[in-house]
PDB file of N, CA and C in Angstrom:
ATOM      1  N   UNK A   1      81.327  59.707  -1.411  1.00  0.00           N
ATOM      2  CA  UNK A   1      82.592  60.120  -0.868  1.00  0.00           C
ATOM      3  C   UNK A   1      83.680  59.289  -1.536  1.00  0.00           C
ATOM      4  N   UNK A   2      84.687  59.940  -2.071  1.00  0.00           N
ATOM      5  CA  UNK A   2      85.769  59.228  -2.736  1.00  0.00           C
ATOM      6  C   UNK A   2      87.098  59.869  -2.401  1.00  0.00           C
ATOM      7  N   UNK A   3      88.137  59.134  -2.657  1.00  0.00           N
ATOM      8  CA  UNK A   3      89.476  59.667  -2.501  1.00  0.00           C
ATOM      9  C   UNK A   3      90.412  58.940  -3.442  1.00  0.00           C
ATOM     10  N   UNK A   4      91.252  59.662  -4.130  1.00  0.00           N
ATOM     11  CA  UNK A   4      92.190  59.072  -5.077  1.00  0.00           C
ATOM     12  C   UNK A   4      93.580  59.644  -4.848  1.00  0.00           C
ATOM     13  N   UNK A   5      94.586  58.802  -5.019  1.00  0.00           N
ATOM     14  CA  UNK A   5      95.973  59.249  -5.022  1.00  0.00           C
ATOM     15  C   UNK A   5      96.439  59.193  -6.464  1.00  0.00           C
ATOM     16  N   UNK A   6      96.775  60.340  -7.009  1.00  0.00           N
ATOM     17  CA  UNK A   6      97.240  60.422  -8.385  1.00  0.00           C
ATOM     18  C   UNK A   6      98.760  60.474  -8.371  1.00  0.00           C
ATOM     19  N   UNK A   7      99.378  59.553  -9.104  1.00  0.00           N
ATOM     20  CA  UNK A   7     100.834  59.522  -9.204  1.00  0.00           C
ATOM     21  C   UNK A   7     101.192  59.001 -10.585  1.00  0.00           C
ATOM     22  N   UNK A   8     102.134  59.643 -11.225  1.00  0.00           N
ATOM     23  CA  UNK A   8     102.530  59.191 -12.556  1.00  0.00           C
ATOM     24  C   UNK A   8     101.450  59.472 -13.576  1.00  0.00           C
ATOM     25  N   UNK A   9     100.928  58.411 -14.211  1.00  0.00           N
ATOM     26  CA  UNK A   9      99.974  58.595 -15.311  1.00  0.00           C
ATOM     27  C   UNK A   9      98.532  58.701 -14.852  1.00  0.00           C
ATOM     28  N   UNK A  10      98.261  58.587 -13.564  1.00  0.00           N
ATOM     29  CA  UNK A  10      96.879  58.710 -13.128  1.00  0.00           C
ATOM     30  C   UNK A  10      96.636  58.106 -11.768  1.00  0.00           C
ATOM     31  N   UNK A  11      95.403  57.657 -11.592  1.00  0.00           N
ATOM     32  CA  UNK A  11      94.979  57.131 -10.294  1.00  0.00           C
ATOM     33  C   UNK A  11      95.776  55.883  -9.928  1.00  0.00           C
ATOM     34  N   UNK A  12      96.483  55.949  -8.819  1.00  0.00           N
ATOM     35  CA  UNK A  12      97.258  54.813  -8.335  1.00  0.00           C
ATOM     36  C   UNK A  12      96.524  54.126  -7.193  1.00  0.00           C
ATOM     37  N   UNK A  13      95.939  54.895  -6.303  1.00  0.00           N
ATOM     38  CA  UNK A  13      95.093  54.374  -5.229  1.00  0.00           C
ATOM     39  C   UNK A  13      93.730  55.017  -5.369  1.00  0.00           C
ATOM     40  N   UNK A  14      92.702  54.237  -5.185  1.00  0.00           N
ATOM     41  CA  UNK A  14      91.362  54.785  -5.261  1.00  0.00           C
ATOM     42  C   UNK A  14      90.457  54.140  -4.237  1.00  0.00           C
ATOM     43  N   UNK A  15      89.585  54.937  -3.656  1.00  0.00           N
ATOM     44  CA  UNK A  15      88.589  54.395  -2.744  1.00  0.00           C
ATOM     45  C   UNK A  15      87.317  55.198  -2.915  1.00  0.00           C
ATOM     46  N   UNK A  16      86.218  54.560  -2.634  1.00  0.00           N
ATOM     47  CA  UNK A  16      84.960  55.258  -2.783  1.00  0.00           C
ATOM     48  C   UNK A  16      83.828  54.564  -2.070  1.00  0.00           C
ATOM     49  N   UNK A  17      82.877  55.372  -1.647  1.00  0.00           N
ATOM     50  CA  UNK A  17      81.660  54.867  -1.032  1.00  0.00           C
ATOM     51  C   UNK A  17      80.554  54.955  -2.069  1.00  0.00           C
ATOM     52  N   UNK A  18      79.841  53.858  -2.292  1.00  0.00           N
ATOM     53  CA  UNK A  18      78.792  53.815  -3.305  1.00  0.00           C
ATOM     54  C   UNK A  18      77.558  54.578  -2.826  1.00  0.00           C
ATOM     55  N   UNK A  19      76.752  54.987  -3.772  1.00  0.00           N
ATOM     56  CA  UNK A  19      75.498  55.647  -3.412  1.00  0.00           C
ATOM     57  C   UNK A  19      74.582  54.644  -2.741  1.00  0.00           C
ATOM     58  N   UNK A  20      73.699  55.145  -1.887  1.00  0.00           N
ATOM     59  CA  UNK A  20      72.833  54.264  -1.110  1.00  0.00           C
ATOM     60  C   UNK A  20      71.525  53.951  -1.826  1.00  0.00           C
ATOM     61  N   UNK A  21      70.941  54.927  -2.496  1.00  0.00           N
ATOM     62  CA  UNK A  21      69.617  54.736  -3.086  1.00  0.00           C
ATOM     63  C   UNK A  21      69.661  54.799  -4.607  1.00  0.00           C
ATOM     64  N   UNK A  22      68.620  54.247  -5.227  1.00  0.00           N
ATOM     65  CA  UNK A  22      68.523  54.312  -6.687  1.00  0.00           C
ATOM     66  C   UNK A  22      68.357  55.758  -7.143  1.00  0.00           C
ATOM     67  N   UNK A  23      67.673  56.564  -6.356  1.00  0.00           N
ATOM     68  CA  UNK A  23      67.483  57.978  -6.712  1.00  0.00           C
ATOM     69  C   UNK A  23      68.834  58.682  -6.747  1.00  0.00           C
ATOM     70  N   UNK A  24      69.719  58.406  -5.771  1.00  0.00           N
ATOM     71  CA  UNK A  24      71.060  59.007  -5.761  1.00  0.00           C
ATOM     72  C   UNK A  24      71.860  58.569  -6.981  1.00  0.00           C
ATOM     73  N   UNK A  25      71.740  57.292  -7.351  1.00  0.00           N
ATOM     74  CA  UNK A  25      72.459  56.780  -8.522  1.00  0.00           C
ATOM     75  C   UNK A  25      71.982  57.479  -9.794  1.00  0.00           C
ATOM     76  N   UNK A  26      70.671  57.603  -9.953  1.00  0.00           N
ATOM     77  CA  UNK A  26      70.102  58.258 -11.136  1.00  0.00           C
ATOM     78  C   UNK A  26      70.525  59.729 -11.186  1.00  0.00           C
ATOM     79  N   UNK A  27      70.469  60.407 -10.048  1.00  0.00           N
ATOM     80  CA  UNK A  27      70.876  61.814 -10.002  1.00  0.00           C
ATOM     81  C   UNK A  27      72.343  61.978 -10.393  1.00  0.00           C
ATOM     82  N   UNK A  28      73.191  61.082  -9.907  1.00  0.00           N
ATOM     83  CA  UNK A  28      74.616  61.162 -10.220  1.00  0.00           C
ATOM     84  C   UNK A  28      74.867  60.910 -11.703  1.00  0.00           C
ATOM     85  N   UNK A  29      74.197  59.916 -12.270  1.00  0.00           N
ATOM     86  CA  UNK A  29      74.344  59.625 -13.701  1.00  0.00           C
ATOM     87  C   UNK A  29      73.865  60.805 -14.543  1.00  0.00           C
ATOM     88  N   UNK A  30      72.740  61.390 -14.148  1.00  0.00           N
ATOM     89  CA  UNK A  30      72.224  62.564 -14.871  1.00  0.00           C
ATOM     90  C   UNK A  30      73.181  63.743 -14.771  1.00  0.00           C
ATOM     91  N   UNK A  31      73.741  63.948 -13.584  1.00  0.00           N
ATOM     92  CA  UNK A  31      74.661  65.066 -13.369  1.00  0.00           C
ATOM     93  C   UNK A  31      75.898  64.964 -14.253  1.00  0.00           C
ATOM     94  N   UNK A  32      76.334  63.728 -14.524  1.00  0.00           N
ATOM     95  CA  UNK A  32      77.531  63.509 -15.335  1.00  0.00           C
ATOM     96  C   UNK A  32      77.203  63.153 -16.789  1.00  0.00           C
ATOM     97  N   UNK A  33      75.923  63.289 -17.174  1.00  0.00           N
ATOM     98  CA  UNK A  33      75.467  63.005 -18.539  1.00  0.00           C
ATOM     99  C   UNK A  33      75.852  61.600 -18.995  1.00  0.00           C
ATOM    100  N   UNK A  34      75.622  60.616 -18.131  1.00  0.00           N
ATOM    101  CA  UNK A  34      75.934  59.222 -18.435  1.00  0.00           C
ATOM    102  C   UNK A  34      74.639  58.494 -18.764  1.00  0.00           C
ATOM    103  N   UNK A  35      74.653  57.698 -19.836  1.00  0.00           N
ATOM    104  CA  UNK A  35      73.502  56.908 -20.242  1.00  0.00           C
ATOM    105  C   UNK A  35      73.180  55.880 -19.157  1.00  0.00           C
ATOM    106  N   UNK A  36      71.952  55.889 -18.679  1.00  0.00           N
ATOM    107  CA  UNK A  36      71.553  55.004 -17.576  1.00  0.00           C
ATOM    108  C   UNK A  36      71.371  53.545 -17.995  1.00  0.00           C
ATOM    109  N   UNK A  37      71.249  53.278 -19.277  1.00  0.00           N
ATOM    110  CA  UNK A  37      70.940  51.908 -19.705  1.00  0.00           C
ATOM    111  C   UNK A  37      72.019  50.911 -19.275  1.00  0.00           C
ATOM    112  N   UNK A  38      73.261  51.307 -19.255  1.00  0.00           N
ATOM    113  CA  UNK A  38      74.333  50.413 -18.835  1.00  0.00           C
ATOM    114  C   UNK A  38      74.400  50.207 -17.330  1.00  0.00           C
ATOM    115  N   UNK A  39      73.661  51.007 -16.594  1.00  0.00           N
ATOM    116  CA  UNK A  39      73.672  50.934 -15.136  1.00  0.00           C
ATOM    117  C   UNK A  39      72.332  50.492 -14.560  1.00  0.00           C
ATOM    118  N   UNK A  40      71.440  50.014 -15.425  1.00  0.00           N
ATOM    119  CA  UNK A  40      70.110  49.631 -14.945  1.00  0.00           C
ATOM    120  C   UNK A  40      70.182  48.539 -13.888  1.00  0.00           C
ATOM    121  N   UNK A  41      71.118  47.598 -14.036  1.00  0.00           N
ATOM    122  CA  UNK A  41      71.272  46.536 -13.033  1.00  0.00           C
ATOM    123  C   UNK A  41      71.618  47.125 -11.671  1.00  0.00           C
ATOM    124  N   UNK A  42      72.430  48.190 -11.653  1.00  0.00           N
ATOM    125  CA  UNK A  42      72.838  48.823 -10.400  1.00  0.00           C
ATOM    126  C   UNK A  42      71.657  49.567  -9.783  1.00  0.00           C
ATOM    127  N   UNK A  43      70.901  50.269 -10.611  1.00  0.00           N
ATOM    128  CA  UNK A  43      69.710  50.982 -10.138  1.00  0.00           C
ATOM    129  C   UNK A  43      68.710  49.997  -9.571  1.00  0.00           C
ATOM    130  N   UNK A  44      68.490  48.880 -10.293  1.00  0.00           N
ATOM    131  CA  UNK A  44      67.575  47.848  -9.808  1.00  0.00           C
ATOM    132  C   UNK A  44      68.040  47.269  -8.479  1.00  0.00           C
ATOM    133  N   UNK A  45      69.340  47.031  -8.362  1.00  0.00           N
ATOM    134  CA  UNK A  45      69.893  46.481  -7.125  1.00  0.00           C
ATOM    135  C   UNK A  45      69.628  47.433  -5.954  1.00  0.00           C
ATOM    136  N   UNK A  46      69.772  48.725  -6.182  1.00  0.00           N
ATOM    137  CA  UNK A  46      69.528  49.710  -5.121  1.00  0.00           C
ATOM    138  C   UNK A  46      68.042  49.828  -4.796  1.00  0.00           C
ATOM    139  N   UNK A  47      67.156  49.503  -5.740  1.00  0.00           N
ATOM    140  CA  UNK A  47      65.718  49.482  -5.467  1.00  0.00           C
ATOM    141  C   UNK A  47      65.352  48.285  -4.594  1.00  0.00           C
ATOM    142  N   UNK A  48      66.022  47.162  -4.806  1.00  0.00           N
ATOM    143  CA  UNK A  48      65.724  45.950  -4.043  1.00  0.00           C
ATOM    144  C   UNK A  48      66.209  46.064  -2.605  1.00  0.00           C
ATOM    145  N   UNK A  49      67.454  46.498  -2.441  1.00  0.00           N
ATOM    146  CA  UNK A  49      68.045  46.590  -1.102  1.00  0.00           C
ATOM    147  C   UNK A  49      69.045  47.731  -1.044  1.00  0.00           C
ATOM    148  N   UNK A  50      68.873  48.605  -0.085  1.00  0.00           N
ATOM    149  CA  UNK A  50      69.829  49.697   0.100  1.00  0.00           C
ATOM    150  C   UNK A  50      70.878  49.254   1.110  1.00  0.00           C
ATOM    151  N   UNK A  51      72.071  48.961   0.618  1.00  0.00           N
ATOM    152  CA  UNK A  51      73.178  48.547   1.464  1.00  0.00           C
ATOM    153  C   UNK A  51      74.338  49.498   1.205  1.00  0.00           C
ATOM    154  N   UNK A  52      74.872  50.073   2.264  1.00  0.00           N
ATOM    155  CA  UNK A  52      76.006  50.987   2.108  1.00  0.00           C
ATOM    156  C   UNK A  52      77.280  50.174   1.894  1.00  0.00           C
ATOM    157  N   UNK A  53      77.954  50.395   0.784  1.00  0.00           N
ATOM    158  CA  UNK A  53      79.178  49.671   0.468  1.00  0.00           C
ATOM    159  C   UNK A  53      80.270  50.655   0.085  1.00  0.00           C
ATOM    160  N   UNK A  54      81.500  50.179   0.171  1.00  0.00           N
ATOM    161  CA  UNK A  54      82.650  50.992  -0.214  1.00  0.00           C
ATOM    162  C   UNK A  54      83.708  50.045  -0.770  1.00  0.00           C
ATOM    163  N   UNK A  55      84.673  50.608  -1.474  1.00  0.00           N
ATOM    164  CA  UNK A  55      85.729  49.781  -2.054  1.00  0.00           C
ATOM    165  C   UNK A  55      87.056  50.517  -2.083  1.00  0.00           C
ATOM    166  N   UNK A  56      88.112  49.743  -2.297  1.00  0.00           N
ATOM    167  CA  UNK A  56      89.467  50.272  -2.337  1.00  0.00           C
ATOM    168  C   UNK A  56      90.236  49.485  -3.382  1.00  0.00           C
ATOM    169  N   UNK A  57      91.090  50.149  -4.109  1.00  0.00           N
ATOM    170  CA  UNK A  57      91.899  49.448  -5.092  1.00  0.00           C
ATOM    171  C   UNK A  57      93.216  50.152  -5.335  1.00  0.00           C
ATOM    172  N   UNK A  58      94.204  49.357  -5.725  1.00  0.00           N
ATOM    173  CA  UNK A  58      95.516  49.919  -6.042  1.00  0.00           C
ATOM    174  C   UNK A  58      95.932  49.441  -7.421  1.00  0.00           C
ATOM    175  N   UNK A  59      96.342  50.364  -8.259  1.00  0.00           N
ATOM    176  CA  UNK A  59      96.867  50.026  -9.576  1.00  0.00           C
ATOM    177  C   UNK A  59      98.348  49.688  -9.435  1.00  0.00           C
ATOM    178  N   UNK A  60      98.643  48.416  -9.245  1.00  0.00           N
ATOM    179  CA  UNK A  60     100.019  47.985  -8.988  1.00  0.00           C
ATOM    180  C   UNK A  60     100.946  48.394 -10.129  1.00  0.00           C
ATOM    181  N   UNK A  61     100.516  48.170 -11.363  1.00  0.00           N
ATOM    182  CA  UNK A  61     101.375  48.509 -12.501  1.00  0.00           C
ATOM    183  C   UNK A  61     101.600  50.011 -12.603  1.00  0.00           C
ATOM    184  N   UNK A  62     100.585  50.807 -12.301  1.00  0.00           N
ATOM    185  CA  UNK A  62     100.758  52.263 -12.300  1.00  0.00           C
ATOM    186  C   UNK A  62     101.722  52.687 -11.192  1.00  0.00           C
ATOM    187  N   UNK A  63     101.627  52.029 -10.033  1.00  0.00           N
ATOM    188  CA  UNK A  63     102.539  52.338  -8.933  1.00  0.00           C
ATOM    189  C   UNK A  63     103.980  52.006  -9.319  1.00  0.00           C
ATOM    190  N   UNK A  64     104.182  50.844  -9.939  1.00  0.00           N
ATOM    191  CA  UNK A  64     105.525  50.441 -10.381  1.00  0.00           C
ATOM    192  C   UNK A  64     106.051  51.420 -11.433  1.00  0.00           C
ATOM    193  N   UNK A  65     105.193  51.826 -12.361  1.00  0.00           N
ATOM    194  CA  UNK A  65     105.579  52.804 -13.382  1.00  0.00           C
ATOM    195  C   UNK A  65     106.095  54.083 -12.734  1.00  0.00           C
ATOM    196  N   UNK A  66     105.337  54.583 -11.746  1.00  0.00           N
ATOM    197  CA  UNK A  66     105.715  55.813 -11.054  1.00  0.00           C
ATOM    198  C   UNK A  66     106.982  55.604 -10.228  1.00  0.00           C
ATOM    199  N   UNK A  67     107.043  54.503  -9.494  1.00  0.00           N
ATOM    200  CA  UNK A  67     108.173  54.215  -8.606  1.00  0.00           C
ATOM    201  C   UNK A  67     109.489  54.097  -9.378  1.00  0.00           C
ATOM    202  N   UNK A  68     109.439  53.413 -10.525  1.00  0.00           N
ATOM    203  CA  UNK A  68     110.646  53.189 -11.324  1.00  0.00           C
ATOM    204  C   UNK A  68     110.887  54.275 -12.370  1.00  0.00           C
ATOM    205  N   UNK A  69     110.025  55.296 -12.363  1.00  0.00           N
ATOM    206  CA  UNK A  69     110.153  56.421 -13.298  1.00  0.00           C
ATOM    207  C   UNK A  69     110.191  55.953 -14.754  1.00  0.00           C
ATOM    208  N   UNK A  70     109.282  55.048 -15.083  1.00  0.00           N
ATOM    209  CA  UNK A  70     109.160  54.553 -16.448  1.00  0.00           C
ATOM    210  C   UNK A  70     108.194  55.431 -17.233  1.00  0.00           C
ATOM    211  N   UNK A  71     108.240  55.325 -18.555  1.00  0.00           N
ATOM    212  CA  UNK A  71     107.362  56.120 -19.408  1.00  0.00           C
ATOM    213  C   UNK A  71     106.225  55.328 -20.021  1.00  0.00           C
ATOM    214  N   UNK A  72     106.315  54.013 -20.014  1.00  0.00           N
ATOM    215  CA  UNK A  72     105.327  53.182 -20.684  1.00  0.00           C
ATOM    216  C   UNK A  72     104.877  52.063 -19.742  1.00  0.00           C
ATOM    217  N   UNK A  73     103.590  52.037 -19.448  1.00  0.00           N
ATOM    218  CA  UNK A  73     103.065  51.046 -18.503  1.00  0.00           C
ATOM    219  C   UNK A  73     103.248  49.618 -19.022  1.00  0.00           C
ATOM    220  N   UNK A  74     103.374  49.467 -20.330  1.00  0.00           N
ATOM    221  CA  UNK A  74     103.584  48.124 -20.889  1.00  0.00           C
ATOM    222  C   UNK A  74     104.925  47.538 -20.480  1.00  0.00           C
ATOM    223  N   UNK A  75     105.837  48.381 -19.993  1.00  0.00           N
ATOM    224  CA  UNK A  75     107.124  47.899 -19.483  1.00  0.00           C
ATOM    225  C   UNK A  75     107.038  47.468 -18.024  1.00  0.00           C
ATOM    226  N   UNK A  76     105.866  47.614 -17.409  1.00  0.00           N
ATOM    227  CA  UNK A  76     105.716  47.367 -15.973  1.00  0.00           C
ATOM    228  C   UNK A  76     104.701  46.272 -15.663  1.00  0.00           C
ATOM    229  N   UNK A  77     104.374  45.438 -16.620  1.00  0.00           N
ATOM    230  CA  UNK A  77     103.374  44.397 -16.382  1.00  0.00           C
ATOM    231  C   UNK A  77     103.943  43.299 -15.495  1.00  0.00           C
ATOM    232  N   UNK A  78     103.107  42.814 -14.598  1.00  0.00           N
ATOM    233  CA  UNK A  78     103.504  41.735 -13.699  1.00  0.00           C
ATOM    234  C   UNK A  78     103.226  40.369 -14.318  1.00  0.00           C
ATOM    235  N   UNK A  79     102.197  40.316 -15.153  1.00  0.00           N
ATOM    236  CA  UNK A  79     101.818  39.077 -15.825  1.00  0.00           C
ATOM    237  C   UNK A  79     101.799  39.325 -17.328  1.00  0.00           C
ATOM    238  N   UNK A  80     102.270  38.372 -18.075  1.00  0.00           N
ATOM    239  CA  UNK A  80     102.277  38.466 -19.525  1.00  0.00           C
ATOM    240  C   UNK A  80     100.849  38.595 -20.037  1.00  0.00           C
ATOM    241  N   UNK A  81     100.639  39.525 -20.948  1.00  0.00           N
ATOM    242  CA  UNK A  81      99.336  39.684 -21.594  1.00  0.00           C
ATOM    243  C   UNK A  81      99.510  39.391 -23.064  1.00  0.00           C
ATOM    244  N   UNK A  82      98.910  38.320 -23.500  1.00  0.00           N
ATOM    245  CA  UNK A  82      98.986  37.909 -24.897  1.00  0.00           C
ATOM    246  C   UNK A  82      97.563  37.726 -25.382  1.00  0.00           C
ATOM    247  N   UNK A  83      97.012  38.757 -25.993  1.00  0.00           N
ATOM    248  CA  UNK A  83      95.607  38.737 -26.421  1.00  0.00           C
ATOM    249  C   UNK A  83      95.345  37.577 -27.359  1.00  0.00           C
ATOM    250  N   UNK A  84      94.273  36.866 -27.080  1.00  0.00           N
ATOM    251  CA  UNK A  84      93.888  35.732 -27.902  1.00  0.00           C
ATOM    252  C   UNK A  84      94.424  34.407 -27.395  1.00  0.00           C
ATOM    253  N   UNK A  85      95.345  34.449 -26.442  1.00  0.00           N
ATOM    254  CA  UNK A  85      95.907  33.230 -25.866  1.00  0.00           C
ATOM    255  C   UNK A  85      95.709  33.228 -24.364  1.00  0.00           C
ATOM    256  N   UNK A  86      95.461  32.052 -23.810  1.00  0.00           N
ATOM    257  CA  UNK A  86      95.339  31.908 -22.376  1.00  0.00           C
ATOM    258  C   UNK A  86      96.739  31.729 -21.789  1.00  0.00           C
ATOM    259  N   UNK A  87      97.091  32.615 -20.863  1.00  0.00           N
ATOM    260  CA  UNK A  87      98.425  32.580 -20.254  1.00  0.00           C
ATOM    261  C   UNK A  87      98.253  32.441 -18.754  1.00  0.00           C
ATOM    262  N   UNK A  88      98.875  31.422 -18.178  1.00  0.00           N
ATOM    263  CA  UNK A  88      98.824  31.216 -16.733  1.00  0.00           C
ATOM    264  C   UNK A  88     100.156  31.612 -16.111  1.00  0.00           C
ATOM    265  N   UNK A  89     100.113  32.299 -14.968  1.00  0.00           N
ATOM    266  CA  UNK A  89     101.377  32.699 -14.317  1.00  0.00           C
ATOM    267  C   UNK A  89     102.138  31.502 -13.770  1.00  0.00           C
TER     268      UNK A  89
END
């Protein structure tokens, strides 16, 4: 079960409930033609213990982009991103 709020360039709010069993995870990956090798840790985790989990997230920069009617998300960063250098806020 998932729900997303799309605004501006894409998903701004997202929430989802994870699959419970390894069989459900494998079926979902197969249905979407996704290579299972990158998800083996997740499948293994579901084999060890079936725990129902869910998550929620907000793309703050995407929200700011939409709110301020900007065209480029790089104009809406909250923290400086300088690849190759460590930058502390």
